[in-house]
N, C-alpha and C. Protein backbone atom coordinates (compact mmCIF):
# COMPACT_ATOMS: atom_id res chain seq x y z
N UNK A 1 98.25 2.75 -43.73
CA UNK A 1 97.38 1.68 -44.21
C UNK A 1 95.96 2.20 -44.40
N UNK A 2 95.51 3.02 -43.45
CA UNK A 2 94.16 3.58 -43.55
C UNK A 2 94.01 4.40 -44.82
N UNK A 3 95.00 5.23 -45.14
CA UNK A 3 94.93 6.07 -46.33
C UNK A 3 94.92 5.24 -47.60
N UNK A 4 95.70 4.17 -47.64
CA UNK A 4 95.74 3.29 -48.80
C UNK A 4 94.38 2.63 -49.01
N UNK A 5 93.81 2.08 -47.94
CA UNK A 5 92.50 1.43 -48.06
C UNK A 5 91.43 2.43 -48.47
N UNK A 6 91.50 3.64 -47.94
CA UNK A 6 90.53 4.67 -48.31
C UNK A 6 90.65 5.00 -49.81
N UNK A 7 91.87 5.10 -50.31
CA UNK A 7 92.08 5.39 -51.72
C UNK A 7 91.55 4.26 -52.60
N UNK A 8 91.85 3.02 -52.22
CA UNK A 8 91.39 1.88 -53.02
C UNK A 8 89.87 1.78 -53.03
N UNK A 9 89.26 1.98 -51.88
CA UNK A 9 87.80 1.91 -51.81
C UNK A 9 87.16 3.08 -52.57
N UNK A 10 87.75 4.26 -52.47
CA UNK A 10 87.22 5.42 -53.20
C UNK A 10 87.28 5.18 -54.70
N UNK A 11 88.39 4.63 -55.19
CA UNK A 11 88.50 4.32 -56.62
C UNK A 11 87.45 3.30 -57.03
N UNK A 12 87.29 2.27 -56.22
CA UNK A 12 86.32 1.23 -56.55
C UNK A 12 84.91 1.81 -56.64
N UNK A 13 84.56 2.66 -55.70
CA UNK A 13 83.24 3.28 -55.70
C UNK A 13 83.08 4.20 -56.91
N UNK A 14 84.13 4.96 -57.22
CA UNK A 14 84.08 5.90 -58.34
C UNK A 14 83.80 5.19 -59.67
N UNK A 15 84.35 3.97 -59.83
CA UNK A 15 84.24 3.26 -61.10
C UNK A 15 83.23 2.12 -61.06
N UNK A 16 82.32 2.17 -60.08
CA UNK A 16 81.26 1.17 -59.99
C UNK A 16 79.92 1.90 -59.96
N UNK A 17 79.39 2.20 -61.15
CA UNK A 17 78.13 2.96 -61.20
C UNK A 17 76.95 2.18 -60.63
N UNK A 18 77.01 0.85 -60.69
CA UNK A 18 75.99 0.01 -60.06
C UNK A 18 76.66 -1.31 -59.70
N UNK A 19 76.06 -2.01 -58.76
CA UNK A 19 76.66 -3.26 -58.31
C UNK A 19 77.18 -3.13 -56.91
N UNK A 20 78.37 -3.71 -56.64
CA UNK A 20 78.87 -3.70 -55.27
C UNK A 20 80.37 -3.50 -55.22
N UNK A 21 80.80 -3.02 -54.05
CA UNK A 21 82.21 -2.87 -53.70
C UNK A 21 82.39 -3.56 -52.36
N UNK A 22 83.44 -4.37 -52.23
CA UNK A 22 83.65 -5.06 -50.96
C UNK A 22 85.13 -5.03 -50.57
N UNK A 23 85.37 -5.11 -49.28
CA UNK A 23 86.72 -5.18 -48.72
C UNK A 23 86.82 -6.47 -47.93
N UNK A 24 87.83 -7.28 -48.24
CA UNK A 24 88.07 -8.54 -47.54
C UNK A 24 89.47 -8.50 -46.94
N UNK A 25 89.63 -9.09 -45.79
CA UNK A 25 90.94 -9.19 -45.14
C UNK A 25 91.11 -10.61 -44.63
N UNK A 26 92.28 -11.19 -44.90
CA UNK A 26 92.58 -12.53 -44.39
C UNK A 26 94.08 -12.69 -44.23
N UNK A 27 94.49 -13.72 -43.52
CA UNK A 27 95.91 -14.00 -43.34
C UNK A 27 96.51 -14.51 -44.64
N UNK A 28 97.72 -14.09 -44.90
CA UNK A 28 98.43 -14.52 -46.10
C UNK A 28 98.64 -16.04 -46.05
N UNK A 29 98.32 -16.76 -47.13
CA UNK A 29 98.46 -18.22 -47.12
C UNK A 29 99.90 -18.69 -46.96
N UNK A 30 100.87 -17.84 -47.32
CA UNK A 30 102.28 -18.23 -47.17
C UNK A 30 102.77 -18.09 -45.73
N UNK A 31 101.91 -17.59 -44.85
CA UNK A 31 102.28 -17.47 -43.44
C UNK A 31 102.98 -16.17 -43.13
N UNK A 32 103.71 -16.18 -42.04
CA UNK A 32 104.45 -15.00 -41.62
C UNK A 32 103.61 -13.96 -40.93
N UNK A 33 102.35 -14.27 -40.67
CA UNK A 33 101.48 -13.33 -39.97
C UNK A 33 101.10 -12.11 -40.79
N UNK A 34 101.30 -12.16 -42.10
CA UNK A 34 100.96 -11.04 -42.95
C UNK A 34 99.48 -11.06 -43.31
N UNK A 35 98.93 -9.88 -43.50
CA UNK A 35 97.54 -9.75 -43.88
C UNK A 35 97.42 -9.47 -45.37
N UNK A 36 96.34 -9.94 -45.96
CA UNK A 36 96.00 -9.64 -47.35
C UNK A 36 94.69 -8.87 -47.33
N UNK A 37 94.70 -7.71 -47.95
CA UNK A 37 93.49 -6.91 -48.11
C UNK A 37 93.10 -6.98 -49.57
N UNK A 38 91.83 -7.24 -49.84
CA UNK A 38 91.32 -7.29 -51.21
C UNK A 38 90.11 -6.39 -51.34
N UNK A 39 90.18 -5.47 -52.29
CA UNK A 39 89.04 -4.64 -52.63
C UNK A 39 88.51 -5.20 -53.94
N UNK A 40 87.24 -5.59 -53.95
CA UNK A 40 86.62 -6.15 -55.14
C UNK A 40 85.41 -5.29 -55.50
N UNK A 41 85.17 -5.17 -56.81
CA UNK A 41 84.00 -4.42 -57.24
C UNK A 41 83.44 -5.02 -58.52
N UNK A 42 82.26 -4.57 -58.86
CA UNK A 42 81.61 -5.00 -60.10
C UNK A 42 81.60 -3.84 -61.09
N UNK A 43 82.66 -3.04 -61.04
CA UNK A 43 82.75 -1.81 -61.81
C UNK A 43 83.01 -2.01 -63.29
N UNK A 44 83.57 -0.97 -63.90
CA UNK A 44 83.72 -0.91 -65.35
C UNK A 44 84.76 -1.88 -65.90
N UNK A 45 85.67 -2.36 -65.09
CA UNK A 45 86.70 -3.29 -65.55
C UNK A 45 87.79 -2.57 -66.32
N UNK A 46 88.89 -3.29 -66.56
CA UNK A 46 90.04 -2.73 -67.25
C UNK A 46 90.54 -3.69 -68.31
N UNK A 47 91.06 -3.13 -69.39
CA UNK A 47 91.72 -3.96 -70.40
C UNK A 47 93.10 -4.36 -69.89
N UNK A 48 93.71 -5.34 -70.54
CA UNK A 48 95.06 -5.77 -70.17
C UNK A 48 96.04 -4.60 -70.32
N UNK A 49 95.86 -3.79 -71.35
CA UNK A 49 96.74 -2.64 -71.58
C UNK A 49 96.60 -1.61 -70.46
N UNK A 50 95.38 -1.37 -70.04
CA UNK A 50 95.15 -0.41 -68.95
C UNK A 50 95.74 -0.93 -67.64
N UNK A 51 95.66 -2.22 -67.39
CA UNK A 51 96.26 -2.79 -66.18
C UNK A 51 97.76 -2.59 -66.16
N UNK A 52 98.40 -2.70 -67.32
CA UNK A 52 99.86 -2.51 -67.39
C UNK A 52 100.26 -1.09 -67.02
N UNK A 53 99.42 -0.12 -67.31
CA UNK A 53 99.73 1.29 -67.05
C UNK A 53 99.18 1.79 -65.72
N UNK A 54 98.46 0.97 -65.01
CA UNK A 54 97.69 1.40 -63.85
C UNK A 54 98.53 2.07 -62.76
N UNK A 55 99.75 1.61 -62.55
CA UNK A 55 100.57 2.13 -61.46
C UNK A 55 101.64 3.11 -61.95
N UNK A 56 101.46 3.66 -63.15
CA UNK A 56 102.38 4.67 -63.66
C UNK A 56 101.85 6.05 -63.30
N UNK A 57 102.74 6.97 -62.90
CA UNK A 57 102.26 8.30 -62.49
C UNK A 57 101.62 9.07 -63.63
N UNK A 58 100.57 9.79 -63.30
CA UNK A 58 99.83 10.68 -64.19
C UNK A 58 99.15 9.98 -65.36
N UNK A 59 99.07 8.66 -65.31
CA UNK A 59 98.42 7.90 -66.37
C UNK A 59 97.04 7.51 -65.88
N UNK A 60 96.03 7.72 -66.73
CA UNK A 60 94.67 7.35 -66.39
C UNK A 60 94.06 6.58 -67.54
N UNK A 61 93.21 5.62 -67.23
CA UNK A 61 92.47 4.91 -68.26
C UNK A 61 91.39 5.82 -68.81
N UNK A 62 90.76 5.42 -69.89
CA UNK A 62 89.67 6.23 -70.45
C UNK A 62 88.57 6.43 -69.41
N UNK A 63 88.22 5.36 -68.68
CA UNK A 63 87.18 5.47 -67.65
C UNK A 63 87.63 6.41 -66.54
N UNK A 64 88.92 6.34 -66.18
CA UNK A 64 89.43 7.21 -65.13
C UNK A 64 89.42 8.66 -65.58
N UNK A 65 89.76 8.89 -66.84
CA UNK A 65 89.75 10.26 -67.35
C UNK A 65 88.34 10.84 -67.29
N UNK A 66 87.35 10.05 -67.64
CA UNK A 66 85.97 10.52 -67.58
C UNK A 66 85.56 10.80 -66.14
N UNK A 67 85.93 9.91 -65.22
CA UNK A 67 85.58 10.12 -63.82
C UNK A 67 86.32 11.33 -63.25
N UNK A 68 87.55 11.55 -63.71
CA UNK A 68 88.33 12.69 -63.25
C UNK A 68 87.65 13.99 -63.62
N UNK A 69 87.06 14.02 -64.79
CA UNK A 69 86.35 15.23 -65.20
C UNK A 69 85.22 15.55 -64.23
N UNK A 70 84.61 14.51 -63.66
CA UNK A 70 83.51 14.69 -62.72
C UNK A 70 83.99 14.95 -61.30
N UNK A 71 85.09 14.29 -60.89
CA UNK A 71 85.45 14.32 -59.47
C UNK A 71 86.84 14.83 -59.18
N UNK A 72 87.63 15.18 -60.17
CA UNK A 72 89.01 15.61 -59.94
C UNK A 72 89.91 14.40 -59.76
N UNK A 73 91.19 14.63 -59.80
CA UNK A 73 92.16 13.55 -59.65
C UNK A 73 93.34 13.79 -60.56
N UNK A 74 94.49 13.24 -60.16
CA UNK A 74 95.72 13.49 -60.90
C UNK A 74 96.33 12.24 -61.52
N UNK A 75 95.86 11.07 -61.14
CA UNK A 75 96.49 9.86 -61.62
C UNK A 75 97.67 9.46 -60.74
N UNK A 76 97.71 9.96 -59.51
CA UNK A 76 98.81 9.64 -58.59
C UNK A 76 98.40 8.77 -57.42
N UNK A 77 97.10 8.62 -57.18
CA UNK A 77 96.65 7.91 -55.99
C UNK A 77 97.17 6.49 -55.88
N UNK A 78 97.07 5.72 -56.96
CA UNK A 78 97.53 4.34 -56.92
C UNK A 78 99.05 4.25 -56.86
N UNK A 79 99.73 5.19 -57.50
CA UNK A 79 101.20 5.21 -57.46
C UNK A 79 101.67 5.43 -56.03
N UNK A 80 101.10 6.42 -55.37
CA UNK A 80 101.47 6.72 -53.98
C UNK A 80 101.07 5.57 -53.07
N UNK A 81 99.89 5.03 -53.27
CA UNK A 81 99.43 3.91 -52.43
C UNK A 81 100.37 2.72 -52.56
N UNK A 82 100.76 2.40 -53.78
CA UNK A 82 101.67 1.26 -53.99
C UNK A 82 103.00 1.50 -53.29
N UNK A 83 103.53 2.71 -53.39
CA UNK A 83 104.81 3.03 -52.74
C UNK A 83 104.68 2.90 -51.23
N UNK A 84 103.59 3.39 -50.66
CA UNK A 84 103.39 3.26 -49.21
C UNK A 84 103.34 1.80 -48.78
N UNK A 85 102.63 0.98 -49.55
CA UNK A 85 102.52 -0.44 -49.22
C UNK A 85 103.90 -1.10 -49.33
N UNK A 86 104.68 -0.75 -50.35
CA UNK A 86 106.02 -1.31 -50.49
C UNK A 86 106.92 -0.90 -49.34
N UNK A 87 106.78 0.34 -48.87
CA UNK A 87 107.56 0.79 -47.71
C UNK A 87 107.21 0.01 -46.45
N UNK A 88 105.99 -0.53 -46.40
CA UNK A 88 105.57 -1.35 -45.26
C UNK A 88 105.91 -2.83 -45.48
N UNK A 89 106.60 -3.14 -46.58
CA UNK A 89 107.02 -4.51 -46.84
C UNK A 89 106.03 -5.34 -47.63
N UNK A 90 105.04 -4.71 -48.23
CA UNK A 90 104.03 -5.44 -48.98
C UNK A 90 104.06 -5.08 -50.45
N UNK A 91 102.98 -5.39 -51.13
CA UNK A 91 102.84 -5.05 -52.54
C UNK A 91 101.38 -4.73 -52.81
N UNK A 92 101.16 -3.97 -53.86
CA UNK A 92 99.82 -3.59 -54.28
C UNK A 92 99.68 -3.99 -55.73
N UNK A 93 98.72 -4.85 -56.01
CA UNK A 93 98.51 -5.35 -57.37
C UNK A 93 97.04 -5.14 -57.75
N UNK A 94 96.76 -5.35 -59.02
CA UNK A 94 95.38 -5.21 -59.51
C UNK A 94 95.10 -6.30 -60.53
N UNK A 95 93.85 -6.67 -60.63
CA UNK A 95 93.42 -7.61 -61.66
C UNK A 95 92.03 -7.21 -62.12
N UNK A 96 91.67 -7.66 -63.31
CA UNK A 96 90.36 -7.37 -63.86
C UNK A 96 89.95 -8.50 -64.76
N UNK A 97 88.66 -8.74 -64.83
CA UNK A 97 88.14 -9.77 -65.73
C UNK A 97 87.98 -9.22 -67.15
N UNK A 98 88.20 -7.91 -67.32
CA UNK A 98 88.11 -7.28 -68.63
C UNK A 98 87.16 -6.10 -68.61
N UNK A 99 87.21 -5.35 -69.69
CA UNK A 99 86.36 -4.16 -69.80
C UNK A 99 84.91 -4.56 -69.73
N UNK A 100 84.18 -3.89 -68.83
CA UNK A 100 82.76 -4.18 -68.65
C UNK A 100 82.46 -5.37 -67.76
N UNK A 101 83.52 -6.01 -67.25
CA UNK A 101 83.30 -7.24 -66.46
C UNK A 101 83.75 -7.12 -65.01
N UNK A 102 84.18 -5.95 -64.58
CA UNK A 102 84.61 -5.76 -63.19
C UNK A 102 86.03 -6.11 -62.93
């Protein structure tokens, strides 16, 4: 769980040149004692097409490709994180208000 949260927060910071990144944790509204972790940022945002490809291995958005040139990366972090979360009985999803909107 620690590695997944670190990866999500690192990605959020990488793609938020200004603004804020936050981590929220609360109990799942459906019960069962499950926790919900939410990483929110005011970063570059994603198109609907980019969101569809986000959890595919070795696939990066244009913004991710540019950041990769600066910081390295393979396009596997979110794929591995999602698999780890699924192995723990959860799911990893993403949403965006659109390109340029966080």
